[in-house]
Amino acid sequence: MDKVAIVIGATGLVGQHIVSQLLGRFDFDIIRIFVRRKTGLIHPNLEEHVIDFDQPESWRDLVKGDVLFSTLGTTLKTAKTKENQYQVDFTYQYEFARAAAENGVPVYVLVSSLGADARSSIFYSRIKGQLEDAVSGLKFNKLLIFRPSILDGDREENRKGEKVGLAFTRFITRYTLKKYKPTPADLLAATMIRMSLDETEGIRVIEGRKILTS
């Protein structure tokens, strides 16, 4: 039987690395991605589904495989409103996770964020914490939650504020606050894939610096 990796957020910084790395490996026979618009990617092992995330009844039965990599995310600037950001960062990811669990997908791998806390006064951190809590209640054999610091890599989307923050974080963490050292997106993707394939079950949370050394 074909081994299937599912990816949502495949056009984002981490998602692109995950898809690229998966297509270059032999661990999975099918890489099944769910996107809002065509990516233009062509590969014999790639299965692309263009969907409306607001219509789960149209894609729920397709969320079947061995591992679900969830890397969706947006910024308040892009989303325009907190409601829209919540929809992308929580609702869409949770609905996919729930569909995967109901369809018997055994492994779920989530990109969260350093500082994620459902009780946080910071909106972004609160969303991430709420999502972590929600998916932790679903029935997966293995749940991996990655909490990277600010992501380091080349984005197609121009995020000037993030670039300034990244430059500052690179500088300051050379000497102190090393837990906040930027996380290279390609390394994060590689670690997610590698840990998804090991035999350890249960829930694991991998924080900032540990991603760099795991």
Foldseek 3Di string as FASTA:
>chain_A
DFAEEEEEPCQWLLNVLLVVVVLVDDPGQAYEYEDQDDPPDDDPRYHYHRDDLVCCVVCLVVLEGAEYEYEWADDCVVLVHLVSRLCGLAVSRLSSLQSHLVRPHAEYEYEAAPQQDCPDPDSRSNSSVVRVVSSLPGDHFAYEYEHAALEDDDTPDDDPVSVVVLVVLCVVCVDDPVLNNHDYSNLLSVLRVVVRPDDDTDYDYQGHVSSVVD
